[in-house]
Structure formats: C-alpha cells, structure tokens
Amino acid sequence: APYGETMLATKPPGYVFRIAPEQVDVFEFQEL
C-alpha cells in the first residue's frame, strides 16, 4: 500500500484494515 497506515488505520475503538471484501477469498466463496 502507499503507506502502512493507509491500509491499516487506527479508528477508535480499534483498527480498520482498509481492503475491499473482493480481495478476500471468503467473499468470493460466499458469492459463488
């Protein structure tokens, strides 16, 4: 990613992994 904090952001009360569901195989499995 351009910066580590861009993909893995701090957002109280925790963290957000800023990726699209389509990038994860579980999403593709469930769609199929």
PDB file of all heavy atoms in Angstrom:
ATOM      1  N   ALA A   1       0.870  -1.165   0.000  1.00  0.00           N
ATOM      2  CA  ALA A   1       0.000   0.000   0.000  1.00  0.00           C
ATOM      3  C   ALA A   1       0.911   1.221   0.000  1.00  0.00           C
ATOM      4  O   ALA A   1       2.103   1.109   0.313  1.00  0.00           O
ATOM      5  CB  ALA A   1      -0.916   0.006   1.227  1.00  0.00           C
ATOM      6  N   PRO A   2       0.388   2.411  -0.360  1.00  0.00           N
ATOM      7  CA  PRO A   2       1.232   3.611  -0.349  1.00  0.00           C
ATOM      8  C   PRO A   2       1.909   3.833   0.998  1.00  0.00           C
ATOM      9  O   PRO A   2       3.078   4.217   1.062  1.00  0.00           O
ATOM     10  CB  PRO A   2       0.238   4.729  -0.673  1.00  0.00           C
ATOM     11  CG  PRO A   2      -0.830   4.057  -1.477  1.00  0.00           C
ATOM     12  CD  PRO A   2      -0.960   2.682  -0.897  1.00  0.00           C
ATOM     13  N   TYR A   3       1.181   3.597   2.089  1.00  0.00           N
ATOM     14  CA  TYR A   3       1.733   3.689   3.440  1.00  0.00           C
ATOM     15  C   TYR A   3       1.070   2.616   4.293  1.00  0.00           C
ATOM     16  O   TYR A   3      -0.081   2.262   4.062  1.00  0.00           O
ATOM     17  CB  TYR A   3       1.480   5.065   4.069  1.00  0.00           C
ATOM     18  CG  TYR A   3       2.061   6.217   3.281  1.00  0.00           C
ATOM     19  CD1 TYR A   3       1.249   6.964   2.438  1.00  0.00           C
ATOM     20  CD2 TYR A   3       3.413   6.536   3.376  1.00  0.00           C
ATOM     21  CE1 TYR A   3       1.766   8.016   1.693  1.00  0.00           C
ATOM     22  CE2 TYR A   3       3.940   7.579   2.640  1.00  0.00           C
ATOM     23  CZ  TYR A   3       3.118   8.322   1.800  1.00  0.00           C
ATOM     24  OH  TYR A   3       3.649   9.344   1.061  1.00  0.00           O
ATOM     25  N   GLY A   4       1.809   2.129   5.288  1.00  0.00           N
ATOM     26  CA  GLY A   4       1.235   1.129   6.174  1.00  0.00           C
ATOM     27  C   GLY A   4      -0.020   1.617   6.854  1.00  0.00           C
ATOM     28  O   GLY A   4      -1.000   0.871   7.013  1.00  0.00           O
ATOM     29  N   GLU A   5      -0.004   2.928   7.263  1.00  0.00           N
ATOM     30  CA  GLU A   5      -1.180   3.459   7.953  1.00  0.00           C
ATOM     31  C   GLU A   5      -2.373   3.625   7.026  1.00  0.00           C
ATOM     32  O   GLU A   5      -3.505   3.754   7.478  1.00  0.00           O
ATOM     33  CB  GLU A   5      -0.845   4.813   8.606  1.00  0.00           C
ATOM     34  CG  GLU A   5       0.082   4.703   9.798  1.00  0.00           C
ATOM     35  CD  GLU A   5       1.494   5.178   9.450  1.00  0.00           C
ATOM     36  OE1 GLU A   5       1.855   5.103   8.256  1.00  0.00           O
ATOM     37  OE2 GLU A   5       2.222   5.609  10.351  1.00  0.00           O
ATOM     38  N   THR A   6      -2.121   3.646   5.702  1.00  0.00           N
ATOM     39  CA  THR A   6      -3.229   3.765   4.755  1.00  0.00           C
ATOM     40  C   THR A   6      -4.041   2.483   4.722  1.00  0.00           C
ATOM     41  O   THR A   6      -5.275   2.511   4.711  1.00  0.00           O
ATOM     42  CB  THR A   6      -2.691   4.063   3.340  1.00  0.00           C
ATOM     43  OG1 THR A   6      -1.797   5.175   3.399  1.00  0.00           O
ATOM     44  CG2 THR A   6      -3.824   4.369   2.389  1.00  0.00           C
ATOM     45  N   MET A   7      -3.366   1.356   4.740  1.00  0.00           N
ATOM     46  CA  MET A   7      -4.063   0.074   4.725  1.00  0.00           C
ATOM     47  C   MET A   7      -4.547  -0.322   6.111  1.00  0.00           C
ATOM     48  O   MET A   7      -5.672  -0.818   6.259  1.00  0.00           O
ATOM     49  CB  MET A   7      -3.147  -1.020   4.153  1.00  0.00           C
ATOM     50  CG  MET A   7      -3.802  -2.399   4.098  1.00  0.00           C
ATOM     51  SD  MET A   7      -2.750  -3.681   3.338  1.00  0.00           S
ATOM     52  CE  MET A   7      -3.026  -3.350   1.596  1.00  0.00           C
ATOM     53  N   LEU A   8      -3.711  -0.110   7.116  1.00  0.00           N
ATOM     54  CA  LEU A   8      -4.069  -0.473   8.491  1.00  0.00           C
ATOM     55  C   LEU A   8      -4.185   0.804   9.306  1.00  0.00           C
ATOM     56  O   LEU A   8      -3.191   1.365   9.770  1.00  0.00           O
ATOM     57  CB  LEU A   8      -3.016  -1.414   9.090  1.00  0.00           C
ATOM     58  CG  LEU A   8      -3.171  -1.801  10.563  1.00  0.00           C
ATOM     59  CD1 LEU A   8      -4.588  -2.253  10.876  1.00  0.00           C
ATOM     60  CD2 LEU A   8      -2.167  -2.880  10.931  1.00  0.00           C
ATOM     61  N   ALA A   9      -5.411   1.283   9.459  1.00  0.00           N
ATOM     62  CA  ALA A   9      -5.661   2.572  10.102  1.00  0.00           C
ATOM     63  C   ALA A   9      -6.187   2.397  11.520  1.00  0.00           C
ATOM     64  O   ALA A   9      -6.920   1.441  11.810  1.00  0.00           O
ATOM     65  CB  ALA A   9      -6.666   3.388   9.288  1.00  0.00           C
ATOM     66  N   THR A  10      -5.793   3.318  12.382  1.00  0.00           N
ATOM     67  CA  THR A  10      -6.356   3.371  13.730  1.00  0.00           C
ATOM     68  C   THR A  10      -7.665   4.146  13.678  1.00  0.00           C
ATOM     69  O   THR A  10      -7.720   5.251  13.135  1.00  0.00           O
ATOM     70  CB  THR A  10      -5.398   4.073  14.696  1.00  0.00           C
ATOM     71  OG1 THR A  10      -4.147   3.410  14.671  1.00  0.00           O
ATOM     72  CG2 THR A  10      -5.958   4.082  16.109  1.00  0.00           C
ATOM     73  N   LYS A  11      -8.713   3.536  14.205  1.00  0.00           N
ATOM     74  CA  LYS A  11     -10.006   4.208  14.251  1.00  0.00           C
ATOM     75  C   LYS A  11     -10.709   3.763  15.517  1.00  0.00           C
ATOM     76  O   LYS A  11     -11.270   2.670  15.577  1.00  0.00           O
ATOM     77  CB  LYS A  11     -10.842   3.873  13.019  1.00  0.00           C
ATOM     78  CG  LYS A  11     -12.092   4.762  12.894  1.00  0.00           C
ATOM     79  CD  LYS A  11     -12.704   4.624  11.515  1.00  0.00           C
ATOM     80  CE  LYS A  11     -13.868   5.602  11.357  1.00  0.00           C
ATOM     81  NZ  LYS A  11     -14.501   5.487  10.025  1.00  0.00           N
ATOM     82  N   PRO A  12     -10.647   4.585  16.579  1.00  0.00           N
ATOM     83  CA  PRO A  12     -11.239   4.191  17.856  1.00  0.00           C
ATOM     84  C   PRO A  12     -12.669   3.673  17.669  1.00  0.00           C
ATOM     85  O   PRO A  12     -13.416   4.224  16.851  1.00  0.00           O
ATOM     86  CB  PRO A  12     -11.213   5.492  18.662  1.00  0.00           C
ATOM     87  CG  PRO A  12     -10.053   6.250  18.082  1.00  0.00           C
ATOM     88  CD  PRO A  12     -10.082   5.934  16.621  1.00  0.00           C
ATOM     89  N   PRO A  13     -13.000   2.583  18.350  1.00  0.00           N
ATOM     90  CA  PRO A  13     -12.253   1.923  19.433  1.00  0.00           C
ATOM     91  C   PRO A  13     -11.336   0.787  18.989  1.00  0.00           C
ATOM     92  O   PRO A  13     -11.098  -0.140  19.754  1.00  0.00           O
ATOM     93  CB  PRO A  13     -13.373   1.379  20.309  1.00  0.00           C
ATOM     94  CG  PRO A  13     -14.440   1.000  19.308  1.00  0.00           C
ATOM     95  CD  PRO A  13     -14.371   2.024  18.222  1.00  0.00           C
ATOM     96  N   GLY A  14     -10.826   0.837  17.773  1.00  0.00           N
ATOM     97  CA  GLY A  14      -9.978  -0.254  17.324  1.00  0.00           C
ATOM     98  C   GLY A  14      -9.207   0.098  16.077  1.00  0.00           C
ATOM     99  O   GLY A  14      -8.661   1.194  15.941  1.00  0.00           O
ATOM    100  N   TYR A  15      -9.207  -0.839  15.121  1.00  0.00           N
ATOM    101  CA  TYR A  15      -8.444  -0.674  13.893  1.00  0.00           C
ATOM    102  C   TYR A  15      -9.304  -1.082  12.697  1.00  0.00           C
ATOM    103  O   TYR A  15     -10.219  -1.896  12.812  1.00  0.00           O
ATOM    104  CB  TYR A  15      -7.179  -1.544  13.919  1.00  0.00           C
ATOM    105  CG  TYR A  15      -6.261  -1.227  15.077  1.00  0.00           C
ATOM    106  CD1 TYR A  15      -6.315  -1.983  16.241  1.00  0.00           C
ATOM    107  CD2 TYR A  15      -5.361  -0.171  15.004  1.00  0.00           C
ATOM    108  CE1 TYR A  15      -5.478  -1.692  17.317  1.00  0.00           C
ATOM    109  CE2 TYR A  15      -4.522   0.124  16.071  1.00  0.00           C
ATOM    110  CZ  TYR A  15      -4.588  -0.629  17.224  1.00  0.00           C
ATOM    111  OH  TYR A  15      -3.774  -0.331  18.290  1.00  0.00           O
ATOM    112  N   VAL A  16      -8.974  -0.499  11.540  1.00  0.00           N
ATOM    113  CA  VAL A  16      -9.662  -0.827  10.296  1.00  0.00           C
ATOM    114  C   VAL A  16      -8.617  -1.264   9.273  1.00  0.00           C
ATOM    115  O   VAL A  16      -7.626  -0.562   9.053  1.00  0.00           O
ATOM    116  CB  VAL A  16     -10.452   0.376   9.736  1.00  0.00           C
ATOM    117  CG1 VAL A  16     -11.075   0.011   8.390  1.00  0.00           C
ATOM    118  CG2 VAL A  16     -11.524   0.821  10.702  1.00  0.00           C
ATOM    119  N   PHE A  17      -8.838  -2.429   8.662  1.00  0.00           N
ATOM    120  CA  PHE A  17      -7.990  -2.888   7.571  1.00  0.00           C
ATOM    121  C   PHE A  17      -8.677  -2.455   6.286  1.00  0.00           C
ATOM    122  O   PHE A  17      -9.690  -3.035   5.884  1.00  0.00           O
ATOM    123  CB  PHE A  17      -7.842  -4.410   7.640  1.00  0.00           C
ATOM    124  CG  PHE A  17      -6.562  -4.923   7.045  1.00  0.00           C
ATOM    125  CD1 PHE A  17      -5.363  -4.263   7.239  1.00  0.00           C
ATOM    126  CD2 PHE A  17      -6.558  -6.086   6.305  1.00  0.00           C
ATOM    127  CE1 PHE A  17      -4.179  -4.741   6.711  1.00  0.00           C
ATOM    128  CE2 PHE A  17      -5.382  -6.585   5.769  1.00  0.00           C
ATOM    129  CZ  PHE A  17      -4.185  -5.905   5.968  1.00  0.00           C
ATOM    130  N   ARG A  18      -8.127  -1.442   5.641  1.00  0.00           N
ATOM    131  CA  ARG A  18      -8.795  -0.804   4.509  1.00  0.00           C
ATOM    132  C   ARG A  18      -8.519  -1.571   3.219  1.00  0.00           C
ATOM    133  O   ARG A  18      -7.745  -1.148   2.357  1.00  0.00           O
ATOM    134  CB  ARG A  18      -8.363   0.656   4.404  1.00  0.00           C
ATOM    135  CG  ARG A  18      -8.741   1.488   5.631  1.00  0.00           C
ATOM    136  CD  ARG A  18      -8.528   2.964   5.389  1.00  0.00           C
ATOM    137  NE  ARG A  18      -8.733   3.759   6.593  1.00  0.00           N
ATOM    138  CZ  ARG A  18      -9.912   4.165   7.044  1.00  0.00           C
ATOM    139  NH1 ARG A  18     -11.001   3.824   6.396  1.00  0.00           N
ATOM    140  NH2 ARG A  18     -10.000   4.884   8.146  1.00  0.00           N
ATOM    141  N   ILE A  19      -9.194  -2.698   3.112  1.00  0.00           N
ATOM    142  CA  ILE A  19      -9.171  -3.501   1.895  1.00  0.00           C
ATOM    143  C   ILE A  19     -10.609  -3.766   1.491  1.00  0.00           C
ATOM    144  O   ILE A  19     -11.532  -3.663   2.302  1.00  0.00           O
ATOM    145  CB  ILE A  19      -8.423  -4.840   2.089  1.00  0.00           C
ATOM    146  CG1 ILE A  19      -9.098  -5.689   3.171  1.00  0.00           C
ATOM    147  CG2 ILE A  19      -6.958  -4.593   2.424  1.00  0.00           C
ATOM    148  CD1 ILE A  19      -8.532  -7.087   3.318  1.00  0.00           C
ATOM    149  N   ALA A  20     -10.802  -4.097   0.209  1.00  0.00           N
ATOM    150  CA  ALA A  20     -12.138  -4.410  -0.275  1.00  0.00           C
ATOM    151  C   ALA A  20     -12.467  -5.870   0.020  1.00  0.00           C
ATOM    152  O   ALA A  20     -11.585  -6.730  -0.042  1.00  0.00           O
ATOM    153  CB  ALA A  20     -12.228  -4.148  -1.774  1.00  0.00           C
ATOM    154  N   PRO A  21     -13.726  -6.187   0.328  1.00  0.00           N
ATOM    155  CA  PRO A  21     -14.088  -7.588   0.553  1.00  0.00           C
ATOM    156  C   PRO A  21     -13.705  -8.492  -0.610  1.00  0.00           C
ATOM    157  O   PRO A  21     -13.379  -9.664  -0.414  1.00  0.00           O
ATOM    158  CB  PRO A  21     -15.618  -7.526   0.734  1.00  0.00           C
ATOM    159  CG  PRO A  21     -15.878  -6.148   1.243  1.00  0.00           C
ATOM    160  CD  PRO A  21     -14.864  -5.282   0.555  1.00  0.00           C
ATOM    161  N   GLU A  22     -13.729  -7.954  -1.833  1.00  0.00           N
ATOM    162  CA  GLU A  22     -13.396  -8.746  -3.016  1.00  0.00           C
ATOM    163  C   GLU A  22     -11.960  -9.251  -3.023  1.00  0.00           C
ATOM    164  O   GLU A  22     -11.610 -10.148  -3.797  1.00  0.00           O
ATOM    165  CB  GLU A  22     -13.633  -7.921  -4.286  1.00  0.00           C
ATOM    166  CG  GLU A  22     -15.093  -7.588  -4.563  1.00  0.00           C
ATOM    167  CD  GLU A  22     -15.578  -6.375  -3.789  1.00  0.00           C
ATOM    168  OE1 GLU A  22     -14.780  -5.801  -2.995  1.00  0.00           O
ATOM    169  OE2 GLU A  22     -16.753  -5.998  -3.967  1.00  0.00           O
ATOM    170  N   GLN A  23     -11.107  -8.673  -2.167  1.00  0.00           N
ATOM    171  CA  GLN A  23      -9.718  -9.117  -2.096  1.00  0.00           C
ATOM    172  C   GLN A  23      -9.540 -10.350  -1.215  1.00  0.00           C
ATOM    173  O   GLN A  23      -8.455 -10.911  -1.148  1.00  0.00           O
ATOM    174  CB  GLN A  23      -8.834  -7.979  -1.558  1.00  0.00           C
ATOM    175  CG  GLN A  23      -8.705  -6.791  -2.497  1.00  0.00           C
ATOM    176  CD  GLN A  23      -7.946  -5.641  -1.852  1.00  0.00           C
ATOM    177  OE1 GLN A  23      -8.508  -4.619  -1.491  1.00  0.00           O
ATOM    178  NE2 GLN A  23      -6.642  -5.807  -1.695  1.00  0.00           N
ATOM    179  N   VAL A  24     -10.611 -10.772  -0.534  1.00  0.00           N
ATOM    180  CA  VAL A  24     -10.542 -11.887   0.417  1.00  0.00           C
ATOM    181  C   VAL A  24     -11.264 -13.089  -0.176  1.00  0.00           C
ATOM    182  O   VAL A  24     -12.391 -12.973  -0.676  1.00  0.00           O
ATOM    183  CB  VAL A  24     -11.172 -11.494   1.769  1.00  0.00           C
ATOM    184  CG1 VAL A  24     -11.020 -12.624   2.779  1.00  0.00           C
ATOM    185  CG2 VAL A  24     -10.540 -10.205   2.291  1.00  0.00           C
ATOM    186  N   ASP A  25     -10.634 -14.274  -0.128  1.00  0.00           N
ATOM    187  CA  ASP A  25     -11.221 -15.458  -0.756  1.00  0.00           C
ATOM    188  C   ASP A  25     -12.548 -15.877  -0.131  1.00  0.00           C
ATOM    189  O   ASP A  25     -13.396 -16.465  -0.798  1.00  0.00           O
ATOM    190  CB  ASP A  25     -10.231 -16.629  -0.770  1.00  0.00           C
ATOM    191  CG  ASP A  25      -9.793 -17.083   0.621  1.00  0.00           C
ATOM    192  OD1 ASP A  25     -10.167 -16.447   1.629  1.00  0.00           O
ATOM    193  OD2 ASP A  25      -9.033 -18.076   0.698  1.00  0.00           O
ATOM    194  N   VAL A  26     -12.767 -15.551   1.137  1.00  0.00           N
ATOM    195  CA  VAL A  26     -14.041 -15.898   1.769  1.00  0.00           C
ATOM    196  C   VAL A  26     -15.200 -15.194   1.067  1.00  0.00           C
ATOM    197  O   VAL A  26     -16.272 -15.782   0.853  1.00  0.00           O
ATOM    198  CB  VAL A  26     -14.026 -15.540   3.271  1.00  0.00           C
ATOM    199  CG1 VAL A  26     -15.411 -15.726   3.888  1.00  0.00           C
ATOM    200  CG2 VAL A  26     -13.017 -16.399   4.015  1.00  0.00           C
ATOM    201  N   PHE A  27     -14.981 -13.940   0.686  1.00  0.00           N
ATOM    202  CA  PHE A  27     -16.019 -13.182  -0.014  1.00  0.00           C
ATOM    203  C   PHE A  27     -16.339 -13.851  -1.352  1.00  0.00           C
ATOM    204  O   PHE A  27     -17.512 -14.039  -1.710  1.00  0.00           O
ATOM    205  CB  PHE A  27     -15.566 -11.739  -0.242  1.00  0.00           C
ATOM    206  CG  PHE A  27     -16.535 -10.899  -1.026  1.00  0.00           C
ATOM    207  CD1 PHE A  27     -17.572 -10.235  -0.384  1.00  0.00           C
ATOM    208  CD2 PHE A  27     -16.423 -10.775  -2.400  1.00  0.00           C
ATOM    209  CE1 PHE A  27     -18.481  -9.462  -1.109  1.00  0.00           C
ATOM    210  CE2 PHE A  27     -17.322 -10.013  -3.129  1.00  0.00           C
ATOM    211  CZ  PHE A  27     -18.349  -9.354  -2.483  1.00  0.00           C
ATOM    212  N   GLU A  28     -15.309 -14.246  -2.107  1.00  0.00           N
ATOM    213  CA  GLU A  28     -15.524 -14.908  -3.393  1.00  0.00           C
ATOM    214  C   GLU A  28     -16.259 -16.239  -3.206  1.00  0.00           C
ATOM    215  O   GLU A  28     -17.160 -16.580  -3.968  1.00  0.00           O
ATOM    216  CB  GLU A  28     -14.192 -15.135  -4.093  1.00  0.00           C
ATOM    217  CG  GLU A  28     -14.328 -15.717  -5.491  1.00  0.00           C
ATOM    218  CD  GLU A  28     -12.995 -15.900  -6.188  1.00  0.00           C
ATOM    219  OE1 GLU A  28     -11.952 -15.531  -5.609  1.00  0.00           O
ATOM    220  OE2 GLU A  28     -13.000 -16.415  -7.323  1.00  0.00           O
ATOM    221  N   PHE A  29     -15.872 -16.986  -2.169  1.00  0.00           N
ATOM    222  CA  PHE A  29     -16.536 -18.249  -1.863  1.00  0.00           C
ATOM    223  C   PHE A  29     -18.028 -18.037  -1.609  1.00  0.00           C
ATOM    224  O   PHE A  29     -18.881 -18.755  -2.165  1.00  0.00           O
ATOM    225  CB  PHE A  29     -15.869 -18.883  -0.640  1.00  0.00           C
ATOM    226  CG  PHE A  29     -16.622 -20.025  -0.021  1.00  0.00           C
ATOM    227  CD1 PHE A  29     -16.657 -21.267  -0.639  1.00  0.00           C
ATOM    228  CD2 PHE A  29     -17.291 -19.865   1.175  1.00  0.00           C
ATOM    229  CE1 PHE A  29     -17.357 -22.328  -0.075  1.00  0.00           C
ATOM    230  CE2 PHE A  29     -17.997 -20.912   1.753  1.00  0.00           C
ATOM    231  CZ  PHE A  29     -18.023 -22.146   1.126  1.00  0.00           C
ATOM    232  N   GLN A  30     -18.358 -17.048  -0.789  1.00  0.00           N
ATOM    233  CA  GLN A  30     -19.756 -16.800  -0.442  1.00  0.00           C
ATOM    234  C   GLN A  30     -20.551 -16.283  -1.639  1.00  0.00           C
ATOM    235  O   GLN A  30     -21.731 -16.614  -1.788  1.00  0.00           O
ATOM    236  CB  GLN A  30     -19.826 -15.836   0.740  1.00  0.00           C
ATOM    237  CG  GLN A  30     -19.302 -16.454   2.027  1.00  0.00           C
ATOM    238  CD  GLN A  30     -19.163 -15.452   3.162  1.00  0.00           C
ATOM    239  OE1 GLN A  30     -19.081 -14.240   2.943  1.00  0.00           O
ATOM    240  NE2 GLN A  30     -19.109 -15.952   4.385  1.00  0.00           N
ATOM    241  N   GLU A  31     -19.915 -15.483  -2.486  1.00  0.00           N
ATOM    242  CA  GLU A  31     -20.591 -15.006  -3.691  1.00  0.00           C
ATOM    243  C   GLU A  31     -20.912 -16.162  -4.640  1.00  0.00           C
ATOM    244  O   GLU A  31     -22.005 -16.233  -5.210  1.00  0.00           O
ATOM    245  CB  GLU A  31     -19.715 -13.973  -4.407  1.00  0.00           C
ATOM    246  CG  GLU A  31     -19.672 -12.619  -3.727  1.00  0.00           C
ATOM    247  CD  GLU A  31     -20.985 -11.882  -3.852  1.00  0.00           C
ATOM    248  OE1 GLU A  31     -21.339 -11.458  -4.974  1.00  0.00           O
ATOM    249  OE2 GLU A  31     -21.684 -11.750  -2.822  1.00  0.00           O
ATOM    250  N   LEU A  32     -19.971 -17.081  -4.823  1.00  0.00           N
ATOM    251  CA  LEU A  32     -20.205 -18.234  -5.686  1.00  0.00           C
ATOM    252  C   LEU A  32     -21.268 -19.157  -5.096  1.00  0.00           C
ATOM    253  O   LEU A  32     -22.092 -19.726  -5.830  1.00  0.00           O
ATOM    254  CB  LEU A  32     -18.899 -19.004  -5.896  1.00  0.00           C
ATOM    255  CG  LEU A  32     -17.885 -18.349  -6.844  1.00  0.00           C
ATOM    256  CD1 LEU A  32     -16.521 -19.007  -6.702  1.00  0.00           C
ATOM    257  CD2 LEU A  32     -18.382 -18.433  -8.292  1.00  0.00           C
TER     258      LEU A  32
END
